[in-house]
Amino acid sequence: MTTPTIRTPRQRRAIQALIKFGKITSKDLGRLTGYLNPPELVAQLRRNGWVVICELFAALDRDGQTCRPGQYYLGPESAEFAKKMIDGESRG
């Protein structure tokens, strides 16, 4: 695994949200990071070495139609690295 990097405040907020919530929908990730295109934000993280997995789940949209939105989460190695990084930053 390449050492993951964070290049922007939005990417930092995305990693923090992924650590805090574990799995998070694209809609919530966009809301929490202030980014209108969460899939592009996830693509940036992947290019920076993070393993971000998307898992689809069944849901109903506002019209009662079945849809399959995704939830993002960090792969095990990326999650461990992110927790250590965030913990190190909070210490100081």
C-alpha atoms as a PDB file:
ATOM      1  CA  MET A   1       0.000   0.000   0.000  1.00  0.00           C
ATOM      2  CA  THR A   2       1.235   3.479  -0.880  1.00  0.00           C
ATOM      3  CA  THR A   3       1.302   5.882   2.038  1.00  0.00           C
ATOM      4  CA  PRO A   4      -1.987   7.780   1.755  1.00  0.00           C
ATOM      5  CA  THR A   5      -1.931  11.553   1.706  1.00  0.00           C
ATOM      6  CA  ILE A   6      -4.440  14.314   2.346  1.00  0.00           C
ATOM      7  CA  ARG A   7      -4.066  17.357   0.124  1.00  0.00           C
ATOM      8  CA  THR A   8      -7.082  19.571   0.877  1.00  0.00           C
ATOM      9  CA  PRO A   9      -9.346  20.500   3.798  1.00  0.00           C
ATOM     10  CA  ARG A  10     -12.243  18.730   2.042  1.00  0.00           C
ATOM     11  CA  GLN A  11     -10.220  15.526   1.825  1.00  0.00           C
ATOM     12  CA  ARG A  12      -9.383  15.848   5.528  1.00  0.00           C
ATOM     13  CA  ARG A  13     -13.069  16.274   6.391  1.00  0.00           C
ATOM     14  CA  ALA A  14     -13.900  13.236   4.241  1.00  0.00           C
ATOM     15  CA  ILE A  15     -11.344  11.041   6.029  1.00  0.00           C
ATOM     16  CA  GLN A  16     -12.569  12.286   9.409  1.00  0.00           C
ATOM     17  CA  ALA A  17     -16.188  11.500   8.448  1.00  0.00           C
ATOM     18  CA  LEU A  18     -15.240   8.034   7.193  1.00  0.00           C
ATOM     19  CA  ILE A  19     -13.475   7.309  10.480  1.00  0.00           C
ATOM     20  CA  LYS A  20     -16.264   8.748  12.626  1.00  0.00           C
ATOM     21  CA  PHE A  21     -19.206   7.070  10.890  1.00  0.00           C
ATOM     22  CA  GLY A  22     -17.597   3.969   9.346  1.00  0.00           C
ATOM     23  CA  LYS A  23     -20.005   3.748   6.420  1.00  0.00           C
ATOM     24  CA  ILE A  24     -21.413   6.938   4.976  1.00  0.00           C
ATOM     25  CA  THR A  25     -23.658   7.654   1.999  1.00  0.00           C
ATOM     26  CA  SER A  26     -22.532   9.840  -0.853  1.00  0.00           C
ATOM     27  CA  LYS A  27     -25.196  12.386   0.073  1.00  0.00           C
ATOM     28  CA  ASP A  28     -24.004  12.609   3.691  1.00  0.00           C
ATOM     29  CA  LEU A  29     -20.361  12.698   2.655  1.00  0.00           C
ATOM     30  CA  GLY A  30     -21.104  15.683   0.430  1.00  0.00           C
ATOM     31  CA  ARG A  31     -23.014  17.447   3.185  1.00  0.00           C
ATOM     32  CA  LEU A  32     -20.271  16.887   5.773  1.00  0.00           C
ATOM     33  CA  THR A  33     -17.393  17.884   3.504  1.00  0.00           C
ATOM     34  CA  GLY A  34     -19.051  20.793   1.719  1.00  0.00           C
ATOM     35  CA  TYR A  35     -18.383  19.200  -1.668  1.00  0.00           C
ATOM     36  CA  LEU A  36     -21.133  18.943  -4.277  1.00  0.00           C
ATOM     37  CA  ASN A  37     -19.506  16.004  -6.092  1.00  0.00           C
ATOM     38  CA  PRO A  38     -18.705  13.313  -3.494  1.00  0.00           C
ATOM     39  CA  PRO A  39     -17.774  10.638  -6.092  1.00  0.00           C
ATOM     40  CA  GLU A  40     -15.032  12.946  -7.388  1.00  0.00           C
ATOM     41  CA  LEU A  41     -13.840  13.557  -3.825  1.00  0.00           C
ATOM     42  CA  VAL A  42     -13.614   9.786  -3.307  1.00  0.00           C
ATOM     43  CA  ALA A  43     -11.722   9.474  -6.613  1.00  0.00           C
ATOM     44  CA  GLN A  44      -9.235  12.098  -5.365  1.00  0.00           C
ATOM     45  CA  LEU A  45      -8.727  10.144  -2.152  1.00  0.00           C
ATOM     46  CA  ARG A  46      -8.134   6.952  -4.136  1.00  0.00           C
ATOM     47  CA  ARG A  47      -5.562   8.739  -6.327  1.00  0.00           C
ATOM     48  CA  ASN A  48      -3.868   9.870  -3.096  1.00  0.00           C
ATOM     49  CA  GLY A  49      -3.436   6.256  -1.961  1.00  0.00           C
ATOM     50  CA  TRP A  50      -6.563   5.716   0.180  1.00  0.00           C
ATOM     51  CA  VAL A  51      -8.574   2.523  -0.210  1.00  0.00           C
ATOM     52  CA  VAL A  52     -12.200   3.655  -0.253  1.00  0.00           C
ATOM     53  CA  ILE A  53     -14.806   0.977  -0.874  1.00  0.00           C
ATOM     54  CA  CYS A  54     -18.330   1.605  -2.160  1.00  0.00           C
ATOM     55  CA  GLU A  55     -21.036  -0.824  -1.097  1.00  0.00           C
ATOM     56  CA  LEU A  56     -24.466  -0.599  -2.726  1.00  0.00           C
ATOM     57  CA  PHE A  57     -27.640  -1.181  -0.735  1.00  0.00           C
ATOM     58  CA  ALA A  58     -31.339  -1.320  -1.588  1.00  0.00           C
ATOM     59  CA  ALA A  59     -33.502   1.681  -0.722  1.00  0.00           C
ATOM     60  CA  LEU A  60     -36.588   3.528  -1.894  1.00  0.00           C
ATOM     61  CA  ASP A  61     -36.389   6.982  -3.394  1.00  0.00           C
ATOM     62  CA  ARG A  62     -38.928   9.738  -2.667  1.00  0.00           C
ATOM     63  CA  ASP A  63     -41.219   8.352  -5.374  1.00  0.00           C
ATOM     64  CA  GLY A  64     -41.222   4.886  -3.830  1.00  0.00           C
ATOM     65  CA  GLN A  65     -38.995   3.478  -6.559  1.00  0.00           C
ATOM     66  CA  THR A  66     -36.277   0.989  -5.697  1.00  0.00           C
ATOM     67  CA  CYS A  67     -32.773   2.364  -6.033  1.00  0.00           C
ATOM     68  CA  ARG A  68     -29.294   1.266  -5.004  1.00  0.00           C
ATOM     69  CA  PRO A  69     -27.359   4.132  -3.438  1.00  0.00           C
ATOM     70  CA  GLY A  70     -23.845   3.570  -2.235  1.00  0.00           C
ATOM     71  CA  GLN A  71     -22.135   3.803   1.113  1.00  0.00           C
ATOM     72  CA  TYR A  72     -18.441   4.558   1.278  1.00  0.00           C
ATOM     73  CA  TYR A  73     -16.028   3.180   3.851  1.00  0.00           C
ATOM     74  CA  LEU A  74     -12.283   2.864   4.238  1.00  0.00           C
ATOM     75  CA  GLY A  75     -10.526  -0.429   3.617  1.00  0.00           C
ATOM     76  CA  PRO A  76      -8.966  -1.947   6.761  1.00  0.00           C
ATOM     77  CA  GLU A  77      -5.395  -0.716   6.146  1.00  0.00           C
ATOM     78  CA  SER A  78      -6.548   2.787   5.207  1.00  0.00           C
ATOM     79  CA  ALA A  79      -8.856   2.943   8.234  1.00  0.00           C
ATOM     80  CA  GLU A  80      -6.021   1.962  10.573  1.00  0.00           C
ATOM     81  CA  PHE A  81      -3.675   4.505   8.994  1.00  0.00           C
ATOM     82  CA  ALA A  82      -6.336   7.241   9.173  1.00  0.00           C
ATOM     83  CA  LYS A  83      -7.045   6.559  12.853  1.00  0.00           C
ATOM     84  CA  LYS A  84      -3.333   6.814  13.679  1.00  0.00           C
ATOM     85  CA  MET A  85      -3.002   9.991  11.604  1.00  0.00           C
ATOM     86  CA  ILE A  86      -6.024  11.673  13.196  1.00  0.00           C
ATOM     87  CA  ASP A  87      -4.974  10.528  16.684  1.00  0.00           C
ATOM     88  CA  GLY A  88      -1.466  11.914  16.109  1.00  0.00           C
ATOM     89  CA  GLU A  89      -2.858  15.250  14.995  1.00  0.00           C
ATOM     90  CA  SER A  90      -5.115  15.546  18.027  1.00  0.00           C
ATOM     91  CA  ARG A  91      -2.133  15.033  20.350  1.00  0.00           C
ATOM     92  CA  GLY A  92      -0.330  17.750  18.855  1.00  0.00           C
END
